[in-house]
Amino acid sequence: MSVSVARVPTHSASKYLQQLAKHWSHKMDVRHTPEEARIAFPGGAVLELRADSETLDVALTVPEDGDVARMRDVVSSHLDRFAFREAPLTFDWAEV
């Protein structure tokens, strides 16, 4: 498993978290509150989000046979779509 994390500065973290969770809830297993979300992708990847007043914390777990770069891009591009007024958001991805 590969785990990537990013702390994204934004004052609209809860809004973006909820929009993304609702958007993907039609295709994936999604559990969310205004402050936290867990999204399970069909290929085994899992996205966990945590929102506070200044940041959106993102943790992306990808199976060994998964494409980490592609999954990072999927997450960041979808969040940028919802954050169009302040996009592009800053994703400083790090492996943990």
PDB file of N, CA and C in Angstrom:
ATOM      1  N   MET A   1       0.835  -1.179   0.000  1.00  0.00           N
ATOM      2  CA  MET A   1       0.000   0.000   0.000  1.00  0.00           C
ATOM      3  C   MET A   1       0.880   1.243   0.000  1.00  0.00           C
ATOM      4  N   SER A   2       0.444   2.220  -0.754  1.00  0.00           N
ATOM      5  CA  SER A   2       1.113   3.507  -0.792  1.00  0.00           C
ATOM      6  C   SER A   2       0.171   4.548  -0.184  1.00  0.00           C
ATOM      7  N   VAL A   3       0.674   5.320   0.768  1.00  0.00           N
ATOM      8  CA  VAL A   3      -0.142   6.352   1.397  1.00  0.00           C
ATOM      9  C   VAL A   3       0.456   7.716   1.071  1.00  0.00           C
ATOM     10  N   SER A   4      -0.370   8.566   0.466  1.00  0.00           N
ATOM     11  CA  SER A   4       0.020   9.937   0.136  1.00  0.00           C
ATOM     12  C   SER A   4      -0.836  10.885   0.957  1.00  0.00           C
ATOM     13  N   VAL A   5      -0.209  11.937   1.481  1.00  0.00           N
ATOM     14  CA  VAL A   5      -0.942  12.927   2.254  1.00  0.00           C
ATOM     15  C   VAL A   5      -0.657  14.320   1.706  1.00  0.00           C
ATOM     16  N   ALA A   6      -1.630  15.205   1.902  1.00  0.00           N
ATOM     17  CA  ALA A   6      -1.459  16.604   1.525  1.00  0.00           C
ATOM     18  C   ALA A   6      -2.295  17.455   2.461  1.00  0.00           C
ATOM     19  N   ARG A   7      -1.776  18.595   2.834  1.00  0.00           N
ATOM     20  CA  ARG A   7      -2.519  19.589   3.610  1.00  0.00           C
ATOM     21  C   ARG A   7      -2.775  20.760   2.660  1.00  0.00           C
ATOM     22  N   VAL A   8      -4.054  20.935   2.316  1.00  0.00           N
ATOM     23  CA  VAL A   8      -4.451  21.915   1.307  1.00  0.00           C
ATOM     24  C   VAL A   8      -5.005  23.158   2.005  1.00  0.00           C
ATOM     25  N   PRO A   9      -4.340  24.303   1.856  1.00  0.00           N
ATOM     26  CA  PRO A   9      -4.860  25.517   2.489  1.00  0.00           C
ATOM     27  C   PRO A   9      -6.109  26.037   1.773  1.00  0.00           C
ATOM     28  N   THR A  10      -7.194  26.186   2.516  1.00  0.00           N
ATOM     29  CA  THR A  10      -8.435  26.756   1.995  1.00  0.00           C
ATOM     30  C   THR A  10      -9.370  27.047   3.162  1.00  0.00           C
ATOM     31  N   HIS A  11     -10.117  28.117   3.057  1.00  0.00           N
ATOM     32  CA  HIS A  11     -11.114  28.456   4.073  1.00  0.00           C
ATOM     33  C   HIS A  11     -12.456  27.804   3.758  1.00  0.00           C
ATOM     34  N   SER A  12     -12.535  27.053   2.676  1.00  0.00           N
ATOM     35  CA  SER A  12     -13.781  26.385   2.255  1.00  0.00           C
ATOM     36  C   SER A  12     -13.645  24.866   2.298  1.00  0.00           C
ATOM     37  N   ALA A  13     -12.827  24.363   3.182  1.00  0.00           N
ATOM     38  CA  ALA A  13     -12.533  22.929   3.221  1.00  0.00           C
ATOM     39  C   ALA A  13     -13.786  22.077   3.406  1.00  0.00           C
ATOM     40  N   SER A  14     -14.639  22.432   4.329  1.00  0.00           N
ATOM     41  CA  SER A  14     -15.839  21.640   4.570  1.00  0.00           C
ATOM     42  C   SER A  14     -16.753  21.632   3.349  1.00  0.00           C
ATOM     43  N   LYS A  15     -16.879  22.761   2.714  1.00  0.00           N
ATOM     44  CA  LYS A  15     -17.711  22.865   1.509  1.00  0.00           C
ATOM     45  C   LYS A  15     -17.198  21.926   0.415  1.00  0.00           C
ATOM     46  N   TYR A  16     -15.893  21.956   0.162  1.00  0.00           N
ATOM     47  CA  TYR A  16     -15.317  21.126  -0.895  1.00  0.00           C
ATOM     48  C   TYR A  16     -15.396  19.642  -0.537  1.00  0.00           C
ATOM     49  N   LEU A  17     -15.156  19.321   0.737  1.00  0.00           N
ATOM     50  CA  LEU A  17     -15.256  17.934   1.192  1.00  0.00           C
ATOM     51  C   LEU A  17     -16.658  17.395   0.922  1.00  0.00           C
ATOM     52  N   GLN A  18     -17.669  18.157   1.302  1.00  0.00           N
ATOM     53  CA  GLN A  18     -19.047  17.709   1.122  1.00  0.00           C
ATOM     54  C   GLN A  18     -19.431  17.608  -0.353  1.00  0.00           C
ATOM     55  N   GLN A  19     -18.992  18.554  -1.164  1.00  0.00           N
ATOM     56  CA  GLN A  19     -19.291  18.497  -2.598  1.00  0.00           C
ATOM     57  C   GLN A  19     -18.668  17.258  -3.232  1.00  0.00           C
ATOM     58  N   LEU A  20     -17.416  16.986  -2.901  1.00  0.00           N
ATOM     59  CA  LEU A  20     -16.734  15.822  -3.467  1.00  0.00           C
ATOM     60  C   LEU A  20     -17.403  14.530  -3.000  1.00  0.00           C
ATOM     61  N   ALA A  21     -17.727  14.456  -1.722  1.00  0.00           N
ATOM     62  CA  ALA A  21     -18.370  13.252  -1.192  1.00  0.00           C
ATOM     63  C   ALA A  21     -19.715  13.009  -1.869  1.00  0.00           C
ATOM     64  N   LYS A  22     -20.509  14.034  -2.018  1.00  0.00           N
ATOM     65  CA  LYS A  22     -21.813  13.875  -2.666  1.00  0.00           C
ATOM     66  C   LYS A  22     -21.649  13.510  -4.136  1.00  0.00           C
ATOM     67  N   HIS A  23     -20.679  14.114  -4.801  1.00  0.00           N
ATOM     68  CA  HIS A  23     -20.422  13.841  -6.217  1.00  0.00           C
ATOM     69  C   HIS A  23     -20.079  12.370  -6.436  1.00  0.00           C
ATOM     70  N   TRP A  24     -19.208  11.822  -5.582  1.00  0.00           N
ATOM     71  CA  TRP A  24     -18.757  10.454  -5.759  1.00  0.00           C
ATOM     72  C   TRP A  24     -19.665   9.424  -5.091  1.00  0.00           C
ATOM     73  N   SER A  25     -20.640   9.861  -4.305  1.00  0.00           N
ATOM     74  CA  SER A  25     -21.501   8.911  -3.591  1.00  0.00           C
ATOM     75  C   SER A  25     -22.379   8.098  -4.539  1.00  0.00           C
ATOM     76  N   HIS A  26     -22.532   8.552  -5.770  1.00  0.00           N
ATOM     77  CA  HIS A  26     -23.341   7.820  -6.739  1.00  0.00           C
ATOM     78  C   HIS A  26     -22.609   6.617  -7.325  1.00  0.00           C
ATOM     79  N   LYS A  27     -21.268   6.632  -7.237  1.00  0.00           N
ATOM     80  CA  LYS A  27     -20.476   5.576  -7.854  1.00  0.00           C
ATOM     81  C   LYS A  27     -19.625   4.778  -6.871  1.00  0.00           C
ATOM     82  N   MET A  28     -19.418   5.332  -5.674  1.00  0.00           N
ATOM     83  CA  MET A  28     -18.490   4.714  -4.733  1.00  0.00           C
ATOM     84  C   MET A  28     -19.093   4.630  -3.344  1.00  0.00           C
ATOM     85  N   ASP A  29     -18.430   3.856  -2.489  1.00  0.00           N
ATOM     86  CA  ASP A  29     -18.839   3.767  -1.093  1.00  0.00           C
ATOM     87  C   ASP A  29     -18.318   5.012  -0.376  1.00  0.00           C
ATOM     88  N   VAL A  30     -19.236   5.883   0.058  1.00  0.00           N
ATOM     89  CA  VAL A  30     -18.864   7.161   0.659  1.00  0.00           C
ATOM     90  C   VAL A  30     -19.550   7.309   2.013  1.00  0.00           C
ATOM     91  N   ARG A  31     -18.764   7.701   3.000  1.00  0.00           N
ATOM     92  CA  ARG A  31     -19.295   8.090   4.314  1.00  0.00           C
ATOM     93  C   ARG A  31     -18.727   9.463   4.625  1.00  0.00           C
ATOM     94  N   HIS A  32     -19.622  10.384   5.051  1.00  0.00           N
ATOM     95  CA  HIS A  32     -19.092  11.717   5.344  1.00  0.00           C
ATOM     96  C   HIS A  32     -19.961  12.493   6.327  1.00  0.00           C
ATOM     97  N   THR A  33     -19.296  13.441   6.973  1.00  0.00           N
ATOM     98  CA  THR A  33     -19.910  14.473   7.798  1.00  0.00           C
ATOM     99  C   THR A  33     -19.367  15.784   7.238  1.00  0.00           C
ATOM    100  N   PRO A  34     -19.787  16.934   7.762  1.00  0.00           N
ATOM    101  CA  PRO A  34     -19.193  18.182   7.279  1.00  0.00           C
ATOM    102  C   PRO A  34     -17.690  18.300   7.533  1.00  0.00           C
ATOM    103  N   GLU A  35     -17.171  17.513   8.496  1.00  0.00           N
ATOM    104  CA  GLU A  35     -15.744  17.618   8.838  1.00  0.00           C
ATOM    105  C   GLU A  35     -14.882  16.475   8.338  1.00  0.00           C
ATOM    106  N   GLU A  36     -15.476  15.325   8.029  1.00  0.00           N
ATOM    107  CA  GLU A  36     -14.675  14.159   7.632  1.00  0.00           C
ATOM    108  C   GLU A  36     -15.370  13.361   6.542  1.00  0.00           C
ATOM    109  N   ALA A  37     -14.557  12.722   5.705  1.00  0.00           N
ATOM    110  CA  ALA A  37     -15.113  11.849   4.665  1.00  0.00           C
ATOM    111  C   ALA A  37     -14.181  10.680   4.432  1.00  0.00           C
ATOM    112  N   ARG A  38     -14.794   9.571   4.034  1.00  0.00           N
ATOM    113  CA  ARG A  38     -14.047   8.384   3.611  1.00  0.00           C
ATOM    114  C   ARG A  38     -14.687   7.897   2.326  1.00  0.00           C
ATOM    115  N   ILE A  39     -13.881   7.804   1.272  1.00  0.00           N
ATOM    116  CA  ILE A  39     -14.364   7.410  -0.048  1.00  0.00           C
ATOM    117  C   ILE A  39     -13.549   6.201  -0.498  1.00  0.00           C
ATOM    118  N   ALA A  40     -14.246   5.096  -0.756  1.00  0.00           N
ATOM    119  CA  ALA A  40     -13.586   3.863  -1.202  1.00  0.00           C
ATOM    120  C   ALA A  40     -13.799   3.718  -2.706  1.00  0.00           C
ATOM    121  N   PHE A  41     -12.710   3.684  -3.446  1.00  0.00           N
ATOM    122  CA  PHE A  41     -12.756   3.534  -4.899  1.00  0.00           C
ATOM    123  C   PHE A  41     -12.875   2.054  -5.268  1.00  0.00           C
ATOM    124  N   PRO A  42     -13.441   1.760  -6.439  1.00  0.00           N
ATOM    125  CA  PRO A  42     -13.611   0.355  -6.854  1.00  0.00           C
ATOM    126  C   PRO A  42     -12.312  -0.446  -6.904  1.00  0.00           C
ATOM    127  N   GLY A  43     -11.202   0.138  -7.268  1.00  0.00           N
ATOM    128  CA  GLY A  43      -9.943  -0.594  -7.390  1.00  0.00           C
ATOM    129  C   GLY A  43      -9.212  -0.822  -6.083  1.00  0.00           C
ATOM    130  N   GLY A  44      -9.809  -0.399  -4.967  1.00  0.00           N
ATOM    131  CA  GLY A  44      -9.186  -0.624  -3.670  1.00  0.00           C
ATOM    132  C   GLY A  44      -8.556   0.601  -3.032  1.00  0.00           C
ATOM    133  N   ALA A  45      -8.446   1.703  -3.769  1.00  0.00           N
ATOM    134  CA  ALA A  45      -7.905   2.928  -3.184  1.00  0.00           C
ATOM    135  C   ALA A  45      -8.933   3.517  -2.222  1.00  0.00           C
ATOM    136  N   VAL A  46      -8.427   4.226  -1.204  1.00  0.00           N
ATOM    137  CA  VAL A  46      -9.292   4.872  -0.222  1.00  0.00           C
ATOM    138  C   VAL A  46      -8.815   6.303  -0.020  1.00  0.00           C
ATOM    139  N   LEU A  47      -9.769   7.231  -0.047  1.00  0.00           N
ATOM    140  CA  LEU A  47      -9.485   8.642   0.174  1.00  0.00           C
ATOM    141  C   LEU A  47     -10.133   9.053   1.482  1.00  0.00           C
ATOM    142  N   GLU A  48      -9.342   9.645   2.380  1.00  0.00           N
ATOM    143  CA  GLU A  48      -9.871  10.173   3.626  1.00  0.00           C
ATOM    144  C   GLU A  48      -9.598  11.665   3.669  1.00  0.00           C
ATOM    145  N   LEU A  49     -10.618  12.428   4.038  1.00  0.00           N
ATOM    146  CA  LEU A  49     -10.531  13.879   4.066  1.00  0.00           C
ATOM    147  C   LEU A  49     -10.915  14.382   5.451  1.00  0.00           C
ATOM    148  N   ARG A  50     -10.265  15.435   5.892  1.00  0.00           N
ATOM    149  CA  ARG A  50     -10.610  16.079   7.158  1.00  0.00           C
ATOM    150  C   ARG A  50     -10.538  17.588   6.947  1.00  0.00           C
ATOM    151  N   ALA A  51     -11.624  18.274   7.290  1.00  0.00           N
ATOM    152  CA  ALA A  51     -11.718  19.716   7.073  1.00  0.00           C
ATOM    153  C   ALA A  51     -11.682  20.468   8.392  1.00  0.00           C
ATOM    154  N   ASP A  52     -10.963  21.580   8.395  1.00  0.00           N
ATOM    155  CA  ASP A  52     -11.076  22.526   9.500  1.00  0.00           C
ATOM    156  C   ASP A  52     -11.205  23.920   8.900  1.00  0.00           C
ATOM    157  N   SER A  53     -11.084  24.939   9.695  1.00  0.00           N
ATOM    158  CA  SER A  53     -11.359  26.296   9.205  1.00  0.00           C
ATOM    159  C   SER A  53     -10.300  26.837   8.253  1.00  0.00           C
ATOM    160  N   GLU A  54      -9.120  26.194   8.207  1.00  0.00           N
ATOM    161  CA  GLU A  54      -8.043  26.723   7.365  1.00  0.00           C
ATOM    162  C   GLU A  54      -7.459  25.734   6.370  1.00  0.00           C
ATOM    163  N   THR A  55      -7.719  24.441   6.561  1.00  0.00           N
ATOM    164  CA  THR A  55      -7.110  23.447   5.677  1.00  0.00           C
ATOM    165  C   THR A  55      -8.030  22.264   5.416  1.00  0.00           C
ATOM    166  N   LEU A  56      -7.742  21.600   4.318  1.00  0.00           N
ATOM    167  CA  LEU A  56      -8.345  20.317   3.999  1.00  0.00           C
ATOM    168  C   LEU A  56      -7.210  19.299   3.993  1.00  0.00           C
ATOM    169  N   ASP A  57      -7.248  18.375   4.944  1.00  0.00           N
ATOM    170  CA  ASP A  57      -6.227  17.329   5.016  1.00  0.00           C
ATOM    171  C   ASP A  57      -6.696  16.148   4.183  1.00  0.00           C
ATOM    172  N   VAL A  58      -5.814  15.668   3.331  1.00  0.00           N
ATOM    173  CA  VAL A  58      -6.133  14.609   2.383  1.00  0.00           C
ATOM    174  C   VAL A  58      -5.170  13.446   2.618  1.00  0.00           C
ATOM    175  N   ALA A  59      -5.725  12.241   2.746  1.00  0.00           N
ATOM    176  CA  ALA A  59      -4.907  11.024   2.852  1.00  0.00           C
ATOM    177  C   ALA A  59      -5.432  10.034   1.822  1.00  0.00           C
ATOM    178  N   LEU A  60      -4.565   9.629   0.921  1.00  0.00           N
ATOM    179  CA  LEU A  60      -4.934   8.741  -0.179  1.00  0.00           C
ATOM    180  C   LEU A  60      -4.120   7.458  -0.080  1.00  0.00           C
ATOM    181  N   THR A  61      -4.819   6.344   0.104  1.00  0.00           N
ATOM    182  CA  THR A  61      -4.178   5.034   0.180  1.00  0.00           C
ATOM    183  C   THR A  61      -4.461   4.292  -1.117  1.00  0.00           C
ATOM    184  N   VAL A  62      -3.387   3.861  -1.781  1.00  0.00           N
ATOM    185  CA  VAL A  62      -3.498   3.185  -3.074  1.00  0.00           C
ATOM    186  C   VAL A  62      -2.846   1.810  -2.959  1.00  0.00           C
ATOM    187  N   PRO A  63      -3.517   0.742  -3.441  1.00  0.00           N
ATOM    188  CA  PRO A  63      -2.915  -0.596  -3.399  1.00  0.00           C
ATOM    189  C   PRO A  63      -1.604  -0.643  -4.182  1.00  0.00           C
ATOM    190  N   GLU A  64      -0.785  -1.636  -3.869  1.00  0.00           N
ATOM    191  CA  GLU A  64       0.527  -1.785  -4.517  1.00  0.00           C
ATOM    192  C   GLU A  64       0.441  -1.788  -6.037  1.00  0.00           C
ATOM    193  N   ASP A  65      -0.597  -2.379  -6.597  1.00  0.00           N
ATOM    194  CA  ASP A  65      -0.705  -2.447  -8.056  1.00  0.00           C
ATOM    195  C   ASP A  65      -1.413  -1.227  -8.653  1.00  0.00           C
ATOM    196  N   GLY A  66      -1.706  -0.223  -7.840  1.00  0.00           N
ATOM    197  CA  GLY A  66      -2.411   0.959  -8.319  1.00  0.00           C
ATOM    198  C   GLY A  66      -1.478   2.036  -8.842  1.00  0.00           C
ATOM    199  N   ASP A  67      -2.047   2.983  -9.553  1.00  0.00           N
ATOM    200  CA  ASP A  67      -1.300   4.095 -10.144  1.00  0.00           C
ATOM    201  C   ASP A  67      -1.440   5.312  -9.227  1.00  0.00           C
ATOM    202  N   VAL A  68      -0.453   5.514  -8.367  1.00  0.00           N
ATOM    203  CA  VAL A  68      -0.503   6.573  -7.365  1.00  0.00           C
ATOM    204  C   VAL A  68      -0.619   7.948  -8.022  1.00  0.00           C
ATOM    205  N   ALA A  69       0.189   8.214  -9.033  1.00  0.00           N
ATOM    206  CA  ALA A  69       0.168   9.522  -9.692  1.00  0.00           C
ATOM    207  C   ALA A  69      -1.205   9.812 -10.301  1.00  0.00           C
ATOM    208  N   ARG A  70      -1.800   8.823 -10.926  1.00  0.00           N
ATOM    209  CA  ARG A  70      -3.116   9.000 -11.531  1.00  0.00           C
ATOM    210  C   ARG A  70      -4.163   9.276 -10.462  1.00  0.00           C
ATOM    211  N   MET A  71      -4.128   8.536  -9.355  1.00  0.00           N
ATOM    212  CA  MET A  71      -5.106   8.733  -8.287  1.00  0.00           C
ATOM    213  C   MET A  71      -4.940  10.110  -7.638  1.00  0.00           C
ATOM    214  N   ARG A  72      -3.704  10.539  -7.452  1.00  0.00           N
ATOM    215  CA  ARG A  72      -3.483  11.897  -6.926  1.00  0.00           C
ATOM    216  C   ARG A  72      -4.105  12.931  -7.862  1.00  0.00           C
ATOM    217  N   ASP A  73      -3.907  12.732  -9.160  1.00  0.00           N
ATOM    218  CA  ASP A  73      -4.446  13.663 -10.144  1.00  0.00           C
ATOM    219  C   ASP A  73      -5.975  13.652 -10.144  1.00  0.00           C
ATOM    220  N   VAL A  74      -6.583  12.485 -10.015  1.00  0.00           N
ATOM    221  CA  VAL A  74      -8.044  12.382  -9.962  1.00  0.00           C
ATOM    222  C   VAL A  74      -8.580  13.181  -8.776  1.00  0.00           C
ATOM    223  N   VAL A  75      -7.966  13.017  -7.624  1.00  0.00           N
ATOM    224  CA  VAL A  75      -8.422  13.717  -6.416  1.00  0.00           C
ATOM    225  C   VAL A  75      -8.229  15.219  -6.565  1.00  0.00           C
ATOM    226  N   SER A  76      -7.033  15.647  -6.947  1.00  0.00           N
ATOM    227  CA  SER A  76      -6.764  17.084  -7.032  1.00  0.00           C
ATOM    228  C   SER A  76      -7.586  17.758  -8.124  1.00  0.00           C
ATOM    229  N   SER A  77      -7.771  17.113  -9.265  1.00  0.00           N
ATOM    230  CA  SER A  77      -8.540  17.739 -10.340  1.00  0.00           C
ATOM    231  C   SER A  77     -10.019  17.866  -9.967  1.00  0.00           C
ATOM    232  N   HIS A  78     -10.566  16.875  -9.270  1.00  0.00           N
ATOM    233  CA  HIS A  78     -11.955  16.976  -8.834  1.00  0.00           C
ATOM    234  C   HIS A  78     -12.129  18.076  -7.788  1.00  0.00           C
ATOM    235  N   LEU A  79     -11.207  18.153  -6.840  1.00  0.00           N
ATOM    236  CA  LEU A  79     -11.314  19.215  -5.840  1.00  0.00           C
ATOM    237  C   LEU A  79     -11.134  20.589  -6.479  1.00  0.00           C
ATOM    238  N   ASP A  80     -10.231  20.703  -7.432  1.00  0.00           N
ATOM    239  CA  ASP A  80     -10.062  21.981  -8.144  1.00  0.00           C
ATOM    240  C   ASP A  80     -11.331  22.379  -8.879  1.00  0.00           C
ATOM    241  N   ARG A  81     -12.049  21.418  -9.403  1.00  0.00           N
ATOM    242  CA  ARG A  81     -13.300  21.715 -10.099  1.00  0.00           C
ATOM    243  C   ARG A  81     -14.305  22.367  -9.148  1.00  0.00           C
ATOM    244  N   PHE A  82     -14.387  21.850  -7.918  1.00  0.00           N
ATOM    245  CA  PHE A  82     -15.303  22.434  -6.943  1.00  0.00           C
ATOM    246  C   PHE A  82     -14.779  23.753  -6.387  1.00  0.00           C
ATOM    247  N   ALA A  83     -13.487  23.937  -6.408  1.00  0.00           N
ATOM    248  CA  ALA A  83     -12.862  25.149  -5.877  1.00  0.00           C
ATOM    249  C   ALA A  83     -12.503  26.116  -6.996  1.00  0.00           C
ATOM    250  N   PHE A  84     -13.325  26.163  -8.038  1.00  0.00           N
ATOM    251  CA  PHE A  84     -12.963  26.932  -9.229  1.00  0.00           C
ATOM    252  C   PHE A  84     -12.650  28.389  -8.934  1.00  0.00           C
ATOM    253  N   ARG A  85     -13.242  28.958  -7.892  1.00  0.00           N
ATOM    254  CA  ARG A  85     -12.977  30.374  -7.581  1.00  0.00           C
ATOM    255  C   ARG A  85     -11.570  30.591  -7.033  1.00  0.00           C
ATOM    256  N   GLU A  86     -10.998  29.577  -6.425  1.00  0.00           N
ATOM    257  CA  GLU A  86      -9.653  29.724  -5.871  1.00  0.00           C
ATOM    258  C   GLU A  86      -8.658  28.710  -6.451  1.00  0.00           C
ATOM    259  N   ALA A  87      -9.073  27.963  -7.438  1.00  0.00           N
ATOM    260  CA  ALA A  87      -8.218  26.945  -8.053  1.00  0.00           C
ATOM    261  C   ALA A  87      -7.082  27.604  -8.826  1.00  0.00           C
ATOM    262  N   PRO A  88      -5.976  26.937  -8.974  1.00  0.00           N
ATOM    263  CA  PRO A  88      -5.737  25.585  -8.476  1.00  0.00           C
ATOM    264  C   PRO A  88      -5.362  25.597  -6.992  1.00  0.00           C
ATOM    265  N   LEU A  89      -5.881  24.627  -6.277  1.00  0.00           N
ATOM    266  CA  LEU A  89      -5.511  24.449  -4.885  1.00  0.00           C
ATOM    267  C   LEU A  89      -4.081  23.905  -4.827  1.00  0.00           C
ATOM    268  N   THR A  90      -3.425  24.111  -3.701  1.00  0.00           N
ATOM    269  CA  THR A  90      -2.045  23.663  -3.522  1.00  0.00           C
ATOM    270  C   THR A  90      -2.024  22.288  -2.862  1.00  0.00           C
ATOM    271  N   PHE A  91      -1.551  21.295  -3.598  1.00  0.00           N
ATOM    272  CA  PHE A  91      -1.398  19.938  -3.092  1.00  0.00           C
ATOM    273  C   PHE A  91       0.093  19.636  -3.022  1.00  0.00           C
ATOM    274  N   ASP A  92       0.656  19.666  -1.832  1.00  0.00           N
ATOM    275  CA  ASP A  92       2.049  19.281  -1.634  1.00  0.00           C
ATOM    276  C   ASP A  92       2.069  17.836  -1.153  1.00  0.00           C
ATOM    277  N   TRP A  93       1.881  16.917  -2.098  1.00  0.00           N
ATOM    278  CA  TRP A  93       1.787  15.489  -1.761  1.00  0.00           C
ATOM    279  C   TRP A  93       3.078  14.996  -1.149  1.00  0.00           C
ATOM    280  N   ALA A  94       2.926  14.151  -0.137  1.00  0.00           N
ATOM    281  CA  ALA A  94       4.087  13.501   0.496  1.00  0.00           C
ATOM    282  C   ALA A  94       3.717  12.048   0.754  1.00  0.00           C
ATOM    283  N   GLU A  95       4.706  11.162   0.609  1.00  0.00           N
ATOM    284  CA  GLU A  95       4.514   9.743   0.946  1.00  0.00           C
ATOM    285  C   GLU A  95       4.753   9.573   2.430  1.00  0.00           C
ATOM    286  N   VAL A  96       3.917   8.763   3.069  1.00  0.00           N
ATOM    287  CA  VAL A  96       4.136   8.481   4.496  1.00  0.00           C
ATOM    288  C   VAL A  96       4.275   6.994   4.716  1.00  0.00           C
TER     289      VAL A  96
END
